[in-house]
Protein backbone atom coordinates (compact mmCIF):
# COMPACT_ATOMS: atom_id res chain seq x y z
CA MET A 1 -25.46 -32.98 20.25
CA ASP A 2 -24.07 -35.49 17.74
CA GLY A 3 -20.49 -35.37 16.40
CA MET A 4 -21.36 -33.83 13.01
CA THR A 5 -23.41 -31.03 14.59
CA ALA A 6 -20.62 -30.26 17.05
CA LEU A 7 -18.06 -30.21 14.19
CA ALA A 8 -20.24 -27.90 12.07
CA LEU A 9 -20.86 -25.59 15.05
CA GLY A 10 -17.14 -25.54 15.84
CA MET A 11 -16.31 -24.59 12.23
CA VAL A 12 -18.90 -21.80 12.19
CA LEU A 13 -17.62 -20.39 15.49
CA THR A 14 -14.00 -20.57 14.29
CA ILE A 15 -14.83 -18.74 11.05
CA ALA A 16 -16.79 -16.12 12.98
CA ALA A 17 -13.93 -15.61 15.45
CA LEU A 18 -11.42 -15.23 12.61
CA TRP A 19 -13.68 -12.70 10.88
CA VAL A 20 -14.06 -10.67 14.11
CA LEU A 21 -10.30 -10.78 14.68
CA ARG A 22 -9.60 -9.59 11.12
CA GLN A 23 -12.20 -6.82 11.28
CA TYR A 24 -11.27 -5.40 14.66
CA ALA A 25 -7.80 -6.48 15.78
CA GLN A 26 -5.48 -6.92 12.81
CA PHE A 27 -3.61 -4.68 10.34
CA PRO A 28 -6.53 -4.26 7.89
CA SER A 29 -8.80 -2.95 10.67
CA GLN A 30 -6.87 0.36 11.03
CA LYS A 31 -8.67 3.63 10.40
CA ALA A 32 -7.03 6.92 9.41
CA SER A 33 -8.75 8.67 12.32
CA GLU A 34 -6.59 6.62 14.73
CA TYR A 35 -3.57 8.64 13.53
CA ALA A 36 -5.19 12.10 13.47
CA ASP A 37 -3.06 13.44 16.36
CA ASN A 38 0.27 12.03 15.10
CA LEU A 39 2.89 14.38 13.72
CA PRO A 40 4.30 15.20 11.24
CA LEU A 41 1.19 15.68 9.09
CA ILE A 42 1.27 13.77 5.84
CA ASP A 43 0.25 15.57 2.68
CA LEU A 44 0.52 13.43 -0.45
CA LYS A 45 0.87 16.51 -2.67
CA ALA A 46 3.96 17.56 -0.69
CA HIS A 47 5.46 14.23 0.39
CA LEU A 48 4.84 12.25 -2.81
CA ASP A 49 6.11 14.95 -5.15
CA GLY A 50 8.99 14.84 -7.61
CA LYS A 51 11.48 11.97 -7.80
CA LEU A 52 11.38 9.37 -5.04
CA ALA A 53 13.37 6.23 -4.32
CA CYS A 54 11.60 3.19 -2.93
CA ASP A 55 13.30 0.09 -1.52
CA GLY A 56 11.28 -2.84 -0.29
CA MET A 57 10.56 -6.52 0.04
CA ILE A 58 7.61 -8.79 -0.46
CA PHE A 59 6.77 -11.55 2.01
CA GLY A 60 4.82 -14.66 0.99
CA PRO A 61 1.99 -16.26 2.96
CA THR A 62 4.44 -17.97 5.36
CA GLY A 63 6.09 -14.64 6.27
CA ARG A 64 9.33 -15.37 4.41
CA VAL A 65 10.85 -12.86 1.97
CA THR A 66 9.98 -13.92 -1.58
CA SER A 67 11.24 -10.87 -3.46
CA ARG A 68 13.12 -7.61 -3.03
CA PHE A 69 12.79 -4.53 -5.21
CA ARG A 70 13.90 -1.00 -5.89
CA ALA A 71 11.60 1.51 -7.54
CA ILE A 72 11.99 5.01 -8.85
CA MET A 73 8.84 7.07 -8.61
CA ASN A 74 8.17 10.39 -10.27
CA THR A 75 5.08 12.34 -9.27
CA THR A 76 3.72 15.56 -10.72
CA TRP A 77 0.73 17.50 -9.44
CA ASP A 78 -1.72 19.89 -11.08
CA GLY A 79 -3.80 21.17 -8.19
CA PRO A 80 -5.55 18.21 -6.53
CA LYS A 81 -4.71 15.80 -9.36
CA GLY A 82 -1.43 13.92 -9.47
CA VAL A 83 0.25 11.35 -11.69
CA MET A 84 2.78 8.98 -10.13
CA ASP A 85 4.90 6.91 -12.51
CA GLU A 86 6.58 3.92 -10.84
CA HIS A 87 9.36 1.79 -12.32
CA PHE A 88 10.16 -1.35 -10.30
CA ILE A 89 13.29 -3.48 -10.64
CA TYR A 90 13.04 -6.82 -8.80
CA ASP A 91 15.92 -8.90 -7.46
CA ASP A 92 15.40 -11.47 -10.23
CA GLY A 93 16.00 -8.76 -12.86
CA SER A 94 12.37 -8.42 -13.93
CA THR A 95 10.78 -4.97 -14.16
CA GLN A 96 7.29 -3.56 -13.78
CA ASP A 97 5.78 -0.16 -14.53
CA ARG A 98 2.64 1.36 -13.04
CA GLN A 99 1.06 4.75 -13.30
CA TRP A 100 -1.19 5.94 -10.49
CA ARG A 101 -3.69 8.73 -11.20
CA LEU A 102 -4.46 10.40 -7.86
CA THR A 103 -7.10 12.90 -6.80
CA VAL A 104 -6.85 14.47 -3.33
CA ALA A 105 -9.98 16.11 -1.90
CA ASP A 106 -10.04 18.96 0.63
CA ASP A 107 -11.27 16.57 3.36
CA GLY A 108 -8.13 14.37 3.05
CA SER A 109 -9.81 11.62 1.05
CA VAL A 110 -7.95 10.23 -1.94
CA ARG A 111 -9.08 8.44 -5.09
CA ALA A 112 -6.40 6.37 -6.87
CA GLU A 113 -6.60 4.67 -10.24
CA ALA A 114 -4.12 2.50 -12.16
CA ASP A 115 -4.47 0.16 -15.12
CA ASP A 116 -4.05 -2.95 -12.93
CA VAL A 117 -6.40 -1.68 -10.21
CA ILE A 118 -10.02 -2.84 -10.46
CA GLY A 119 -12.24 0.25 -10.18
CA ALA A 120 -10.56 2.85 -7.98
CA GLY A 121 -8.69 2.75 -4.72
CA ARG A 122 -10.13 4.82 -1.89
CA GLY A 123 -8.06 6.26 0.90
CA ARG A 124 -7.73 8.93 3.55
CA MET A 125 -4.93 11.00 5.07
CA ALA A 126 -4.96 11.83 8.79
CA GLY A 127 -2.08 12.85 11.03
CA ASN A 128 1.09 11.15 9.81
CA ALA A 129 -0.75 8.32 8.05
CA PHE A 130 -2.41 7.55 4.75
CA GLY A 131 -4.47 4.39 4.35
CA MET A 132 -6.00 3.04 1.15
CA ARG A 133 -7.92 -0.03 -0.01
CA TYR A 134 -8.11 -1.31 -3.55
CA ARG A 135 -8.32 -4.46 -5.67
CA ILE A 136 -5.35 -5.23 -7.90
CA ARG A 137 -4.88 -7.69 -10.75
CA LEU A 138 -1.49 -9.43 -10.74
CA PRO A 139 0.41 -9.75 -14.03
CA GLU A 140 -0.36 -12.90 -16.06
CA LYS A 141 3.14 -14.27 -15.34
CA SER A 142 2.15 -14.17 -11.64
CA GLY A 143 -1.18 -15.91 -12.23
CA GLY A 144 -3.40 -12.93 -13.06
CA HIS A 145 -5.19 -13.24 -9.69
CA VAL A 146 -7.22 -10.33 -8.32
CA LEU A 147 -6.20 -9.50 -4.75
CA ASP A 148 -7.67 -7.21 -2.12
CA ALA A 149 -5.04 -4.73 -0.92
CA VAL A 150 -4.77 -2.70 2.28
CA ASP A 151 -2.00 -0.12 1.93
CA TRP A 152 -0.70 2.17 4.70
CA MET A 153 1.96 4.87 4.56
CA TYR A 154 3.41 6.51 7.67
CA LEU A 155 5.41 9.75 7.39
CA GLN A 156 8.52 9.96 9.59
CA GLU A 157 10.16 13.14 10.96
CA ASP A 158 12.97 13.04 8.35
CA GLY A 159 10.51 12.88 5.42
CA THR A 160 10.91 9.13 4.86
CA ILE A 161 7.63 7.28 4.33
CA LEU A 162 7.28 3.74 5.68
CA ASN A 163 4.89 1.70 3.53
CA ARG A 164 3.20 -1.53 4.62
CA SER A 165 0.67 -3.37 2.48
CA GLN A 166 -1.20 -6.63 2.83
CA PHE A 167 -2.78 -8.59 0.00
CA THR A 168 -5.54 -11.12 0.51
CA LYS A 169 -7.55 -13.55 -1.59
CA PHE A 170 -10.87 -14.78 -0.18
CA GLY A 171 -9.88 -13.13 3.13
CA VAL A 172 -6.63 -15.11 3.45
CA LYS A 173 -3.35 -13.17 3.49
CA VAL A 174 -1.24 -14.21 0.52
CA ALA A 175 1.46 -11.52 0.57
CA GLU A 176 2.75 -8.53 2.50
CA LEU A 177 4.97 -5.68 1.36
CA PHE A 178 7.23 -3.40 3.36
CA ALA A 179 9.07 -0.48 1.77
CA THR A 180 10.69 2.86 2.45
CA ILE A 181 10.01 5.84 0.22
CA ARG A 182 12.21 8.91 0.32
CA PRO A 183 12.97 11.90 -1.89
CA ILE A 184 15.90 11.64 -4.25
CA GLU A 185 18.14 14.58 -3.53
CA PRO A 186 18.92 16.52 -6.70
CA THR A 187 22.59 16.36 -7.54
CA SER A 188 24.22 19.75 -7.25
CA GLU A 189 25.96 20.73 -10.42
CA LYS A 190 29.08 22.78 -10.14
CA THR A 191 29.19 25.86 -12.28
CA ASP A 192 32.34 27.50 -13.47
CA ALA A 193 32.64 31.07 -12.28
């Protein structure tokens, strides 16, 4: 075998090994069914309802924090259909708004649409987890790139949701997000008796 053939074969085997690793052994390979026995049971209509606070950070491709954010989310439901309005405030002072239009089916599957999502996101709830995949277009000021997203939420005993997302372009991870989502407790107003 000559040097060029060996190099080409090595490249093909490396690409194949990376593809197998990504498909079967890394974060994006999770399936909702793997969490079916985990408690507490997540129900988006119950756990993503009303006003929510979200605090998180975004990691760049090297794993370093590139941005931090706080978001206020407000979700309303009409049967299986929900609307979640998100208002993000980033550590550099910039803001971003998104509105998700959600449809939850009886079998736990979820369809999610937003103006910056290409087509519709598809997801599934099982046990304490909700996983979804979608394609998202970044704002023009961030390059306008279209990224593939894998988004997972894990419900904790106290009602907090841990959210982890990975974003890839051409199969290469370009960003990761980690956030907590929790209900905003209504302030109790004192009444004069």
